[in-house]
Amino acid sequence: SKVVEPKLTTVHFHYKTSGIEAANIIMNMIENGDKIIRDIK
């Protein structure tokens, strides 16, 4: 989207951050037995 001509108007989602959040949640579930449902938009 950054190199095509003309450059494309688009939506940026925070995909890497989503991955980090998912990893932190599952580690907390594994290590601490956390059963709280986490809903992150």
PDB file of all heavy atoms in Angstrom:
ATOM      1  N   SER A   1       0.823  -1.211   0.000  1.00  0.00           N
ATOM      2  CA  SER A   1       0.000   0.000   0.000  1.00  0.00           C
ATOM      3  C   SER A   1       0.855   1.258   0.000  1.00  0.00           C
ATOM      4  O   SER A   1       0.385   2.330  -0.399  1.00  0.00           O
ATOM      5  CB  SER A   1      -0.940   0.012   1.212  1.00  0.00           C
ATOM      6  OG  SER A   1      -0.220   0.266   2.424  1.00  0.00           O
ATOM      7  N   LYS A   2       2.109   1.122   0.440  1.00  0.00           N
ATOM      8  CA  LYS A   2       3.012   2.260   0.530  1.00  0.00           C
ATOM      9  C   LYS A   2       3.793   2.503  -0.755  1.00  0.00           C
ATOM     10  O   LYS A   2       4.305   3.599  -0.976  1.00  0.00           O
ATOM     11  CB  LYS A   2       3.989   2.048   1.687  1.00  0.00           C
ATOM     12  CG  LYS A   2       3.322   1.751   3.023  1.00  0.00           C
ATOM     13  CD  LYS A   2       4.327   1.283   4.060  1.00  0.00           C
ATOM     14  CE  LYS A   2       3.635   0.766   5.317  1.00  0.00           C
ATOM     15  NZ  LYS A   2       4.607   0.200   6.303  1.00  0.00           N
ATOM     16  N   VAL A   3       3.902   1.488  -1.617  1.00  0.00           N
ATOM     17  CA  VAL A   3       4.744   1.611  -2.807  1.00  0.00           C
ATOM     18  C   VAL A   3       3.950   1.619  -4.108  1.00  0.00           C
ATOM     19  O   VAL A   3       4.464   2.025  -5.149  1.00  0.00           O
ATOM     20  CB  VAL A   3       5.786   0.476  -2.858  1.00  0.00           C
ATOM     21  CG1 VAL A   3       6.706   0.543  -1.653  1.00  0.00           C
ATOM     22  CG2 VAL A   3       5.121  -0.902  -2.926  1.00  0.00           C
ATOM     23  N   VAL A   4       2.682   1.144  -4.063  1.00  0.00           N
ATOM     24  CA  VAL A   4       1.858   1.147  -5.258  1.00  0.00           C
ATOM     25  C   VAL A   4       1.590   2.593  -5.678  1.00  0.00           C
ATOM     26  O   VAL A   4       1.553   3.500  -4.849  1.00  0.00           O
ATOM     27  CB  VAL A   4       0.541   0.374  -5.014  1.00  0.00           C
ATOM     28  CG1 VAL A   4      -0.368   1.116  -4.047  1.00  0.00           C
ATOM     29  CG2 VAL A   4      -0.187   0.062  -6.304  1.00  0.00           C
ATOM     30  N   GLU A   5       1.408   2.825  -6.956  1.00  0.00           N
ATOM     31  CA  GLU A   5       1.127   4.177  -7.471  1.00  0.00           C
ATOM     32  C   GLU A   5      -0.279   4.255  -8.008  1.00  0.00           C
ATOM     33  O   GLU A   5      -0.650   3.481  -8.896  1.00  0.00           O
ATOM     34  CB  GLU A   5       2.131   4.542  -8.562  1.00  0.00           C
ATOM     35  CG  GLU A   5       3.553   4.742  -8.063  1.00  0.00           C
ATOM     36  CD  GLU A   5       3.686   5.964  -7.173  1.00  0.00           C
ATOM     37  OE1 GLU A   5       2.803   6.876  -7.257  1.00  0.00           O
ATOM     38  OE2 GLU A   5       4.642   6.015  -6.387  1.00  0.00           O
ATOM     39  N   PRO A   6      -1.105   5.195  -7.510  1.00  0.00           N
ATOM     40  CA  PRO A   6      -0.837   6.059  -6.349  1.00  0.00           C
ATOM     41  C   PRO A   6      -0.886   5.277  -5.043  1.00  0.00           C
ATOM     42  O   PRO A   6      -1.477   4.200  -4.984  1.00  0.00           O
ATOM     43  CB  PRO A   6      -1.967   7.090  -6.422  1.00  0.00           C
ATOM     44  CG  PRO A   6      -3.097   6.339  -7.058  1.00  0.00           C
ATOM     45  CD  PRO A   6      -2.457   5.424  -8.067  1.00  0.00           C
ATOM     46  N   LYS A   7      -0.250   5.823  -4.009  1.00  0.00           N
ATOM     47  CA  LYS A   7      -0.247   5.170  -2.704  1.00  0.00           C
ATOM     48  C   LYS A   7      -1.681   5.035  -2.197  1.00  0.00           C
ATOM     49  O   LYS A   7      -2.517   5.905  -2.388  1.00  0.00           O
ATOM     50  CB  LYS A   7       0.606   5.947  -1.699  1.00  0.00           C
ATOM     51  CG  LYS A   7       2.097   5.921  -2.018  1.00  0.00           C
ATOM     52  CD  LYS A   7       2.883   6.673  -0.968  1.00  0.00           C
ATOM     53  CE  LYS A   7       4.382   6.578  -1.213  1.00  0.00           C
ATOM     54  NZ  LYS A   7       4.769   7.236  -2.483  1.00  0.00           N
ATOM     55  N   LEU A   8      -1.937   3.895  -1.524  1.00  0.00           N
ATOM     56  CA  LEU A   8      -3.302   3.488  -1.181  1.00  0.00           C
ATOM     57  C   LEU A   8      -3.735   4.010   0.188  1.00  0.00           C
ATOM     58  O   LEU A   8      -3.036   3.807   1.193  1.00  0.00           O
ATOM     59  CB  LEU A   8      -3.402   1.964  -1.199  1.00  0.00           C
ATOM     60  CG  LEU A   8      -4.755   1.327  -0.876  1.00  0.00           C
ATOM     61  CD1 LEU A   8      -5.791   1.676  -1.936  1.00  0.00           C
ATOM     62  CD2 LEU A   8      -4.590  -0.198  -0.748  1.00  0.00           C
ATOM     63  N   THR A   9      -4.894   4.692   0.219  1.00  0.00           N
ATOM     64  CA  THR A   9      -5.529   5.023   1.497  1.00  0.00           C
ATOM     65  C   THR A   9      -6.033   3.734   2.132  1.00  0.00           C
ATOM     66  O   THR A   9      -6.733   2.950   1.496  1.00  0.00           O
ATOM     67  CB  THR A   9      -6.689   6.006   1.284  1.00  0.00           C
ATOM     68  OG1 THR A   9      -6.169   7.255   0.811  1.00  0.00           O
ATOM     69  CG2 THR A   9      -7.447   6.241   2.587  1.00  0.00           C
ATOM     70  N   THR A  10      -5.694   3.532   3.403  1.00  0.00           N
ATOM     71  CA  THR A  10      -5.956   2.232   4.021  1.00  0.00           C
ATOM     72  C   THR A  10      -6.129   2.370   5.532  1.00  0.00           C
ATOM     73  O   THR A  10      -5.961   3.456   6.102  1.00  0.00           O
ATOM     74  CB  THR A  10      -4.792   1.259   3.694  1.00  0.00           C
ATOM     75  OG1 THR A  10      -5.061  -0.045   4.211  1.00  0.00           O
ATOM     76  CG2 THR A  10      -3.484   1.766   4.288  1.00  0.00           C
ATOM     77  N   VAL A  11      -6.469   1.257   6.171  1.00  0.00           N
ATOM     78  CA  VAL A  11      -6.626   1.201   7.622  1.00  0.00           C
ATOM     79  C   VAL A  11      -5.425   0.492   8.229  1.00  0.00           C
ATOM     80  O   VAL A  11      -5.045  -0.596   7.778  1.00  0.00           O
ATOM     81  CB  VAL A  11      -7.913   0.458   8.025  1.00  0.00           C
ATOM     82  CG1 VAL A  11      -7.995   0.335   9.553  1.00  0.00           C
ATOM     83  CG2 VAL A  11      -9.142   1.174   7.488  1.00  0.00           C
ATOM     84  N   HIS A  12      -4.838   1.115   9.234  1.00  0.00           N
ATOM     85  CA  HIS A  12      -3.745   0.494   9.972  1.00  0.00           C
ATOM     86  C   HIS A  12      -4.282  -0.127  11.255  1.00  0.00           C
ATOM     87  O   HIS A  12      -4.811   0.568  12.127  1.00  0.00           O
ATOM     88  CB  HIS A  12      -2.666   1.526  10.322  1.00  0.00           C
ATOM     89  CG  HIS A  12      -1.551   0.964  11.165  1.00  0.00           C
ATOM     90  ND1 HIS A  12      -0.474   0.301  10.632  1.00  0.00           N
ATOM     91  CD2 HIS A  12      -1.372   0.953  12.518  1.00  0.00           C
ATOM     92  CE1 HIS A  12       0.331  -0.086  11.605  1.00  0.00           C
ATOM     93  NE2 HIS A  12      -0.205   0.294  12.762  1.00  0.00           N
ATOM     94  N   PHE A  13      -4.169  -1.441  11.362  1.00  0.00           N
ATOM     95  CA  PHE A  13      -4.480  -2.145  12.600  1.00  0.00           C
ATOM     96  C   PHE A  13      -3.172  -2.501  13.311  1.00  0.00           C
ATOM     97  O   PHE A  13      -2.142  -2.714  12.667  1.00  0.00           O
ATOM     98  CB  PHE A  13      -5.265  -3.430  12.317  1.00  0.00           C
ATOM     99  CG  PHE A  13      -6.698  -3.206  11.922  1.00  0.00           C
ATOM    100  CD1 PHE A  13      -7.221  -3.802  10.778  1.00  0.00           C
ATOM    101  CD2 PHE A  13      -7.529  -2.423  12.677  1.00  0.00           C
ATOM    102  CE1 PHE A  13      -8.540  -3.606  10.399  1.00  0.00           C
ATOM    103  CE2 PHE A  13      -8.854  -2.218  12.312  1.00  0.00           C
ATOM    104  CZ  PHE A  13      -9.352  -2.809  11.167  1.00  0.00           C
ATOM    105  N   HIS A  14      -3.234  -2.597  14.629  1.00  0.00           N
ATOM    106  CA  HIS A  14      -2.031  -2.854  15.426  1.00  0.00           C
ATOM    107  C   HIS A  14      -1.837  -4.370  15.587  1.00  0.00           C
ATOM    108  O   HIS A  14      -2.017  -4.943  16.671  1.00  0.00           O
ATOM    109  CB  HIS A  14      -2.146  -2.146  16.769  1.00  0.00           C
ATOM    110  CG  HIS A  14      -2.350  -0.660  16.637  1.00  0.00           C
ATOM    111  ND1 HIS A  14      -1.324   0.208  16.304  1.00  0.00           N
ATOM    112  CD2 HIS A  14      -3.476   0.099  16.744  1.00  0.00           C
ATOM    113  CE1 HIS A  14      -1.807   1.439  16.234  1.00  0.00           C
ATOM    114  NE2 HIS A  14      -3.109   1.408  16.492  1.00  0.00           N
ATOM    115  N   TYR A  15      -1.447  -5.001  14.484  1.00  0.00           N
ATOM    116  CA  TYR A  15      -1.357  -6.459  14.459  1.00  0.00           C
ATOM    117  C   TYR A  15      -0.278  -7.003  15.397  1.00  0.00           C
ATOM    118  O   TYR A  15      -0.500  -7.970  16.121  1.00  0.00           O
ATOM    119  CB  TYR A  15      -1.089  -6.942  13.035  1.00  0.00           C
ATOM    120  CG  TYR A  15      -2.254  -6.749  12.087  1.00  0.00           C
ATOM    121  CD1 TYR A  15      -2.163  -5.889  11.001  1.00  0.00           C
ATOM    122  CD2 TYR A  15      -3.445  -7.438  12.275  1.00  0.00           C
ATOM    123  CE1 TYR A  15      -3.220  -5.712  10.129  1.00  0.00           C
ATOM    124  CE2 TYR A  15      -4.518  -7.263  11.411  1.00  0.00           C
ATOM    125  CZ  TYR A  15      -4.401  -6.402  10.339  1.00  0.00           C
ATOM    126  OH  TYR A  15      -5.452  -6.224   9.482  1.00  0.00           O
ATOM    127  N   LYS A  16       0.899  -6.396  15.379  1.00  0.00           N
ATOM    128  CA  LYS A  16       1.970  -6.876  16.250  1.00  0.00           C
ATOM    129  C   LYS A  16       1.585  -6.764  17.721  1.00  0.00           C
ATOM    130  O   LYS A  16       1.807  -7.694  18.513  1.00  0.00           O
ATOM    131  CB  LYS A  16       3.274  -6.112  15.990  1.00  0.00           C
ATOM    132  CG  LYS A  16       4.446  -6.615  16.826  1.00  0.00           C
ATOM    133  CD  LYS A  16       5.718  -5.834  16.543  1.00  0.00           C
ATOM    134  CE  LYS A  16       6.857  -6.336  17.441  1.00  0.00           C
ATOM    135  NZ  LYS A  16       8.117  -5.562  17.208  1.00  0.00           N
ATOM    136  N   THR A  17       0.982  -5.638  18.076  1.00  0.00           N
ATOM    137  CA  THR A  17       0.535  -5.445  19.452  1.00  0.00           C
ATOM    138  C   THR A  17      -0.524  -6.477  19.832  1.00  0.00           C
ATOM    139  O   THR A  17      -0.546  -6.975  20.966  1.00  0.00           O
ATOM    140  CB  THR A  17      -0.019  -4.024  19.645  1.00  0.00           C
ATOM    141  OG1 THR A  17       0.966  -3.076  19.245  1.00  0.00           O
ATOM    142  CG2 THR A  17      -0.389  -3.770  21.102  1.00  0.00           C
ATOM    143  N   SER A  18      -1.394  -6.808  18.887  1.00  0.00           N
ATOM    144  CA  SER A  18      -2.395  -7.850  19.139  1.00  0.00           C
ATOM    145  C   SER A  18      -1.725  -9.173  19.486  1.00  0.00           C
ATOM    146  O   SER A  18      -2.152  -9.889  20.400  1.00  0.00           O
ATOM    147  CB  SER A  18      -3.284  -8.037  17.902  1.00  0.00           C
ATOM    148  OG  SER A  18      -4.029  -6.882  17.616  1.00  0.00           O
ATOM    149  N   GLY A  19      -0.659  -9.503  18.747  1.00  0.00           N
ATOM    150  CA  GLY A  19       0.083 -10.727  19.021  1.00  0.00           C
ATOM    151  C   GLY A  19       0.719 -10.722  20.399  1.00  0.00           C
ATOM    152  O   GLY A  19       0.698 -11.728  21.122  1.00  0.00           O
ATOM    153  N   ILE A  20       1.296  -9.585  20.775  1.00  0.00           N
ATOM    154  CA  ILE A  20       1.915  -9.458  22.100  1.00  0.00           C
ATOM    155  C   ILE A  20       0.874  -9.642  23.204  1.00  0.00           C
ATOM    156  O   ILE A  20       1.106 -10.350  24.184  1.00  0.00           O
ATOM    157  CB  ILE A  20       2.631  -8.098  22.231  1.00  0.00           C
ATOM    158  CG1 ILE A  20       3.832  -8.039  21.284  1.00  0.00           C
ATOM    159  CG2 ILE A  20       3.073  -7.855  23.673  1.00  0.00           C
ATOM    160  CD1 ILE A  20       4.476  -6.665  21.193  1.00  0.00           C
ATOM    161  N   GLU A  21      -0.272  -8.990  23.042  1.00  0.00           N
ATOM    162  CA  GLU A  21      -1.345  -9.097  24.040  1.00  0.00           C
ATOM    163  C   GLU A  21      -1.828 -10.535  24.174  1.00  0.00           C
ATOM    164  O   GLU A  21      -2.045 -11.036  25.288  1.00  0.00           O
ATOM    165  CB  GLU A  21      -2.515  -8.187  23.652  1.00  0.00           C
ATOM    166  CG  GLU A  21      -2.233  -6.692  23.753  1.00  0.00           C
ATOM    167  CD  GLU A  21      -2.122  -6.222  25.190  1.00  0.00           C
ATOM    168  OE1 GLU A  21      -2.529  -6.956  26.105  1.00  0.00           O
ATOM    169  OE2 GLU A  21      -1.626  -5.098  25.406  1.00  0.00           O
ATOM    170  N   ALA A  22      -1.998 -11.216  23.042  1.00  0.00           N
ATOM    171  CA  ALA A  22      -2.444 -12.612  23.065  1.00  0.00           C
ATOM    172  C   ALA A  22      -1.440 -13.493  23.800  1.00  0.00           C
ATOM    173  O   ALA A  22      -1.820 -14.358  24.599  1.00  0.00           O
ATOM    174  CB  ALA A  22      -2.656 -13.123  21.640  1.00  0.00           C
ATOM    175  N   ALA A  23      -0.163 -13.276  23.532  1.00  0.00           N
ATOM    176  CA  ALA A  23       0.886 -14.061  24.186  1.00  0.00           C
ATOM    177  C   ALA A  23       0.897 -13.829  25.692  1.00  0.00           C
ATOM    178  O   ALA A  23       1.024 -14.769  26.484  1.00  0.00           O
ATOM    179  CB  ALA A  23       2.250 -13.722  23.587  1.00  0.00           C
ATOM    180  N   ASN A  24       0.773 -12.576  26.105  1.00  0.00           N
ATOM    181  CA  ASN A  24       0.775 -12.256  27.538  1.00  0.00           C
ATOM    182  C   ASN A  24      -0.418 -12.881  28.252  1.00  0.00           C
ATOM    183  O   ASN A  24      -0.300 -13.378  29.383  1.00  0.00           O
ATOM    184  CB  ASN A  24       0.784 -10.749  27.745  1.00  0.00           C
ATOM    185  CG  ASN A  24       2.115 -10.106  27.399  1.00  0.00           C
ATOM    186  OD1 ASN A  24       3.165 -10.757  27.481  1.00  0.00           O
ATOM    187  ND2 ASN A  24       2.096  -8.842  26.993  1.00  0.00           N
ATOM    188  N   ILE A  25      -1.574 -12.863  27.600  1.00  0.00           N
ATOM    189  CA  ILE A  25      -2.773 -13.444  28.211  1.00  0.00           C
ATOM    190  C   ILE A  25      -2.610 -14.944  28.393  1.00  0.00           C
ATOM    191  O   ILE A  25      -2.903 -15.494  29.463  1.00  0.00           O
ATOM    192  CB  ILE A  25      -4.020 -13.136  27.358  1.00  0.00           C
ATOM    193  CG1 ILE A  25      -4.368 -11.648  27.457  1.00  0.00           C
ATOM    194  CG2 ILE A  25      -5.214 -13.971  27.830  1.00  0.00           C
ATOM    195  CD1 ILE A  25      -5.482 -11.226  26.530  1.00  0.00           C
ATOM    196  N   ILE A  26      -2.136 -15.636  27.346  1.00  0.00           N
ATOM    197  CA  ILE A  26      -2.055 -17.089  27.451  1.00  0.00           C
ATOM    198  C   ILE A  26      -0.970 -17.508  28.438  1.00  0.00           C
ATOM    199  O   ILE A  26      -1.126 -18.523  29.139  1.00  0.00           O
ATOM    200  CB  ILE A  26      -1.851 -17.736  26.068  1.00  0.00           C
ATOM    201  CG1 ILE A  26      -2.328 -19.192  26.125  1.00  0.00           C
ATOM    202  CG2 ILE A  26      -0.372 -17.689  25.601  1.00  0.00           C
ATOM    203  CD1 ILE A  26      -2.616 -19.792  24.789  1.00  0.00           C
ATOM    204  N   MET A  27       0.121 -16.742  28.545  1.00  0.00           N
ATOM    205  CA  MET A  27       1.135 -17.067  29.542  1.00  0.00           C
ATOM    206  C   MET A  27       0.591 -16.896  30.952  1.00  0.00           C
ATOM    207  O   MET A  27       0.889 -17.696  31.841  1.00  0.00           O
ATOM    208  CB  MET A  27       2.391 -16.208  29.326  1.00  0.00           C
ATOM    209  CG  MET A  27       3.243 -16.657  28.162  1.00  0.00           C
ATOM    210  SD  MET A  27       4.877 -15.848  28.109  1.00  0.00           S
ATOM    211  CE  MET A  27       4.411 -14.147  27.712  1.00  0.00           C
ATOM    212  N   ASN A  28      -0.220 -15.861  31.159  1.00  0.00           N
ATOM    213  CA  ASN A  28      -0.845 -15.646  32.470  1.00  0.00           C
ATOM    214  C   ASN A  28      -1.805 -16.782  32.805  1.00  0.00           C
ATOM    215  O   ASN A  28      -1.879 -17.217  33.958  1.00  0.00           O
ATOM    216  CB  ASN A  28      -1.578 -14.304  32.478  1.00  0.00           C
ATOM    217  CG  ASN A  28      -1.897 -13.813  33.880  1.00  0.00           C
ATOM    218  OD1 ASN A  28      -1.194 -14.110  34.842  1.00  0.00           O
ATOM    219  ND2 ASN A  28      -2.978 -13.072  34.005  1.00  0.00           N
ATOM    220  N   MET A  29      -2.513 -17.278  31.810  1.00  0.00           N
ATOM    221  CA  MET A  29      -3.420 -18.409  32.020  1.00  0.00           C
ATOM    222  C   MET A  29      -2.647 -19.672  32.388  1.00  0.00           C
ATOM    223  O   MET A  29      -3.055 -20.445  33.261  1.00  0.00           O
ATOM    224  CB  MET A  29      -4.257 -18.653  30.766  1.00  0.00           C
ATOM    225  CG  MET A  29      -5.221 -17.512  30.419  1.00  0.00           C
ATOM    226  SD  MET A  29      -5.981 -17.689  28.777  1.00  0.00           S
ATOM    227  CE  MET A  29      -7.182 -18.985  29.118  1.00  0.00           C
ATOM    228  N   ILE A  30      -1.508 -19.876  31.729  1.00  0.00           N
ATOM    229  CA  ILE A  30      -0.700 -21.073  31.965  1.00  0.00           C
ATOM    230  C   ILE A  30       0.037 -21.004  33.292  1.00  0.00           C
ATOM    231  O   ILE A  30       0.008 -21.943  34.088  1.00  0.00           O
ATOM    232  CB  ILE A  30       0.307 -21.276  30.805  1.00  0.00           C
ATOM    233  CG1 ILE A  30      -0.433 -21.577  29.500  1.00  0.00           C
ATOM    234  CG2 ILE A  30       1.287 -22.400  31.131  1.00  0.00           C
ATOM    235  CD1 ILE A  30       0.460 -21.477  28.280  1.00  0.00           C
ATOM    236  N   GLU A  31       0.697 -19.888  33.536  1.00  0.00           N
ATOM    237  CA  GLU A  31       1.559 -19.768  34.708  1.00  0.00           C
ATOM    238  C   GLU A  31       0.779 -19.539  35.995  1.00  0.00           C
ATOM    239  O   GLU A  31       1.141 -20.064  37.053  1.00  0.00           O
ATOM    240  CB  GLU A  31       2.553 -18.612  34.507  1.00  0.00           C
ATOM    241  CG  GLU A  31       3.451 -18.750  33.280  1.00  0.00           C
ATOM    242  CD  GLU A  31       4.474 -19.873  33.413  1.00  0.00           C
ATOM    243  OE1 GLU A  31       4.709 -20.311  34.558  1.00  0.00           O
ATOM    244  OE2 GLU A  31       5.038 -20.304  32.386  1.00  0.00           O
ATOM    245  N   ASN A  32      -0.281 -18.764  35.934  1.00  0.00           N
ATOM    246  CA  ASN A  32      -1.009 -18.351  37.132  1.00  0.00           C
ATOM    247  C   ASN A  32      -2.411 -18.923  37.241  1.00  0.00           C
ATOM    248  O   ASN A  32      -3.127 -18.631  38.204  1.00  0.00           O
ATOM    249  CB  ASN A  32      -1.074 -16.825  37.198  1.00  0.00           C
ATOM    250  CG  ASN A  32       0.297 -16.182  37.148  1.00  0.00           C
ATOM    251  OD1 ASN A  32       1.240 -16.653  37.785  1.00  0.00           O
ATOM    252  ND2 ASN A  32       0.444 -15.109  36.374  1.00  0.00           N
ATOM    253  N   GLY A  33      -2.807 -19.712  36.250  1.00  0.00           N
ATOM    254  CA  GLY A  33      -4.150 -20.275  36.287  1.00  0.00           C
ATOM    255  C   GLY A  33      -5.247 -19.237  36.161  1.00  0.00           C
ATOM    256  O   GLY A  33      -6.362 -19.425  36.653  1.00  0.00           O
ATOM    257  N   ASP A  34      -4.932 -18.113  35.501  1.00  0.00           N
ATOM    258  CA  ASP A  34      -5.889 -17.016  35.349  1.00  0.00           C
ATOM    259  C   ASP A  34      -7.084 -17.468  34.510  1.00  0.00           C
ATOM    260  O   ASP A  34      -6.940 -17.909  33.382  1.00  0.00           O
ATOM    261  CB  ASP A  34      -5.203 -15.834  34.673  1.00  0.00           C
ATOM    262  CG  ASP A  34      -6.101 -14.600  34.598  1.00  0.00           C
ATOM    263  OD1 ASP A  34      -7.227 -14.653  35.131  1.00  0.00           O
ATOM    264  OD2 ASP A  34      -5.682 -13.592  34.008  1.00  0.00           O
ATOM    265  N   LYS A  35      -8.285 -17.370  35.040  1.00  0.00           N
ATOM    266  CA  LYS A  35      -9.494 -17.785  34.336  1.00  0.00           C
ATOM    267  C   LYS A  35     -10.378 -16.613  33.921  1.00  0.00           C
ATOM    268  O   LYS A  35     -11.473 -16.802  33.399  1.00  0.00           O
ATOM    269  CB  LYS A  35     -10.281 -18.768  35.190  1.00  0.00           C
ATOM    270  CG  LYS A  35      -9.456 -20.000  35.571  1.00  0.00           C
ATOM    271  CD  LYS A  35     -10.057 -21.169  35.555  1.00  0.00           C
ATOM    272  CE  LYS A  35      -9.249 -22.380  36.015  1.00  0.00           C
ATOM    273  NZ  LYS A  35      -8.770 -23.101  34.817  1.00  0.00           N
ATOM    274  N   ILE A  36      -9.910 -15.401  34.172  1.00  0.00           N
ATOM    275  CA  ILE A  36     -10.674 -14.211  33.811  1.00  0.00           C
ATOM    276  C   ILE A  36     -10.735 -14.075  32.293  1.00  0.00           C
ATOM    277  O   ILE A  36      -9.717 -14.162  31.601  1.00  0.00           O
ATOM    278  CB  ILE A  36     -10.063 -12.947  34.438  1.00  0.00           C
ATOM    279  CG1 ILE A  36     -10.095 -13.035  35.966  1.00  0.00           C
ATOM    280  CG2 ILE A  36     -10.803 -11.696  33.969  1.00  0.00           C
ATOM    281  CD1 ILE A  36      -9.387 -11.902  36.656  1.00  0.00           C
ATOM    282  N   ILE A  37     -11.922 -13.886  31.737  1.00  0.00           N
ATOM    283  CA  ILE A  37     -12.111 -13.687  30.307  1.00  0.00           C
ATOM    284  C   ILE A  37     -11.715 -12.263  29.945  1.00  0.00           C
ATOM    285  O   ILE A  37     -12.257 -11.301  30.488  1.00  0.00           O
ATOM    286  CB  ILE A  37     -13.561 -13.965  29.887  1.00  0.00           C
ATOM    287  CG1 ILE A  37     -13.991 -15.382  30.281  1.00  0.00           C
ATOM    288  CG2 ILE A  37     -13.734 -13.742  28.384  1.00  0.00           C
ATOM    289  CD1 ILE A  37     -13.187 -16.466  29.658  1.00  0.00           C
ATOM    290  N   ARG A  38     -10.772 -12.124  29.045  1.00  0.00           N
ATOM    291  CA  ARG A  38     -10.296 -10.801  28.639  1.00  0.00           C
ATOM    292  C   ARG A  38     -10.722 -10.518  27.207  1.00  0.00           C
ATOM    293  O   ARG A  38     -10.371 -11.250  26.285  1.00  0.00           O
ATOM    294  CB  ARG A  38      -8.782 -10.713  28.799  1.00  0.00           C
ATOM    295  CG  ARG A  38      -8.358 -11.049  30.233  1.00  0.00           C
ATOM    296  CD  ARG A  38      -6.949 -10.744  30.537  1.00  0.00           C
ATOM    297  NE  ARG A  38      -6.600 -11.210  31.880  1.00  0.00           N
ATOM    298  CZ  ARG A  38      -6.806 -10.559  32.984  1.00  0.00           C
ATOM    299  NH1 ARG A  38      -7.363  -9.374  32.922  1.00  0.00           N
ATOM    300  NH2 ARG A  38      -6.467 -11.047  34.170  1.00  0.00           N
ATOM    301  N   ASP A  39     -11.460  -9.452  27.038  1.00  0.00           N
ATOM    302  CA  ASP A  39     -12.034  -9.034  25.767  1.00  0.00           C
ATOM    303  C   ASP A  39     -11.375  -7.720  25.372  1.00  0.00           C
ATOM    304  O   ASP A  39     -11.705  -6.670  25.917  1.00  0.00           O
ATOM    305  CB  ASP A  39     -13.549  -8.901  25.922  1.00  0.00           C
ATOM    306  CG  ASP A  39     -14.251  -8.325  24.708  1.00  0.00           C
ATOM    307  OD1 ASP A  39     -13.584  -7.975  23.730  1.00  0.00           O
ATOM    308  OD2 ASP A  39     -15.494  -8.194  24.757  1.00  0.00           O
ATOM    309  N   ILE A  40     -10.426  -7.772  24.420  1.00  0.00           N
ATOM    310  CA  ILE A  40      -9.667  -6.578  24.053  1.00  0.00           C
ATOM    311  C   ILE A  40      -9.952  -6.199  22.602  1.00  0.00           C
ATOM    312  O   ILE A  40      -9.599  -6.932  21.676  1.00  0.00           O
ATOM    313  CB  ILE A  40      -8.152  -6.793  24.255  1.00  0.00           C
ATOM    314  CG1 ILE A  40      -7.852  -7.166  25.713  1.00  0.00           C
ATOM    315  CG2 ILE A  40      -7.385  -5.541  23.851  1.00  0.00           C
ATOM    316  CD1 ILE A  40      -6.401  -7.494  25.968  1.00  0.00           C
ATOM    317  N   LYS A  41     -10.600  -5.050  22.423  1.00  0.00           N
ATOM    318  CA  LYS A  41     -10.832  -4.520  21.079  1.00  0.00           C
ATOM    319  C   LYS A  41      -9.747  -3.492  20.780  1.00  0.00           C
ATOM    320  O   LYS A  41      -9.623  -2.476  21.457  1.00  0.00           O
ATOM    321  CB  LYS A  41     -12.222  -3.873  20.980  1.00  0.00           C
ATOM    322  CG  LYS A  41     -12.556  -3.345  19.582  1.00  0.00           C
ATOM    323  CD  LYS A  41     -13.880  -2.597  19.573  1.00  0.00           C
ATOM    324  CE  LYS A  41     -15.051  -3.534  19.742  1.00  0.00           C
ATOM    325  NZ  LYS A  41     -16.357  -2.830  19.559  1.00  0.00           N
TER     326      LYS A  41
END
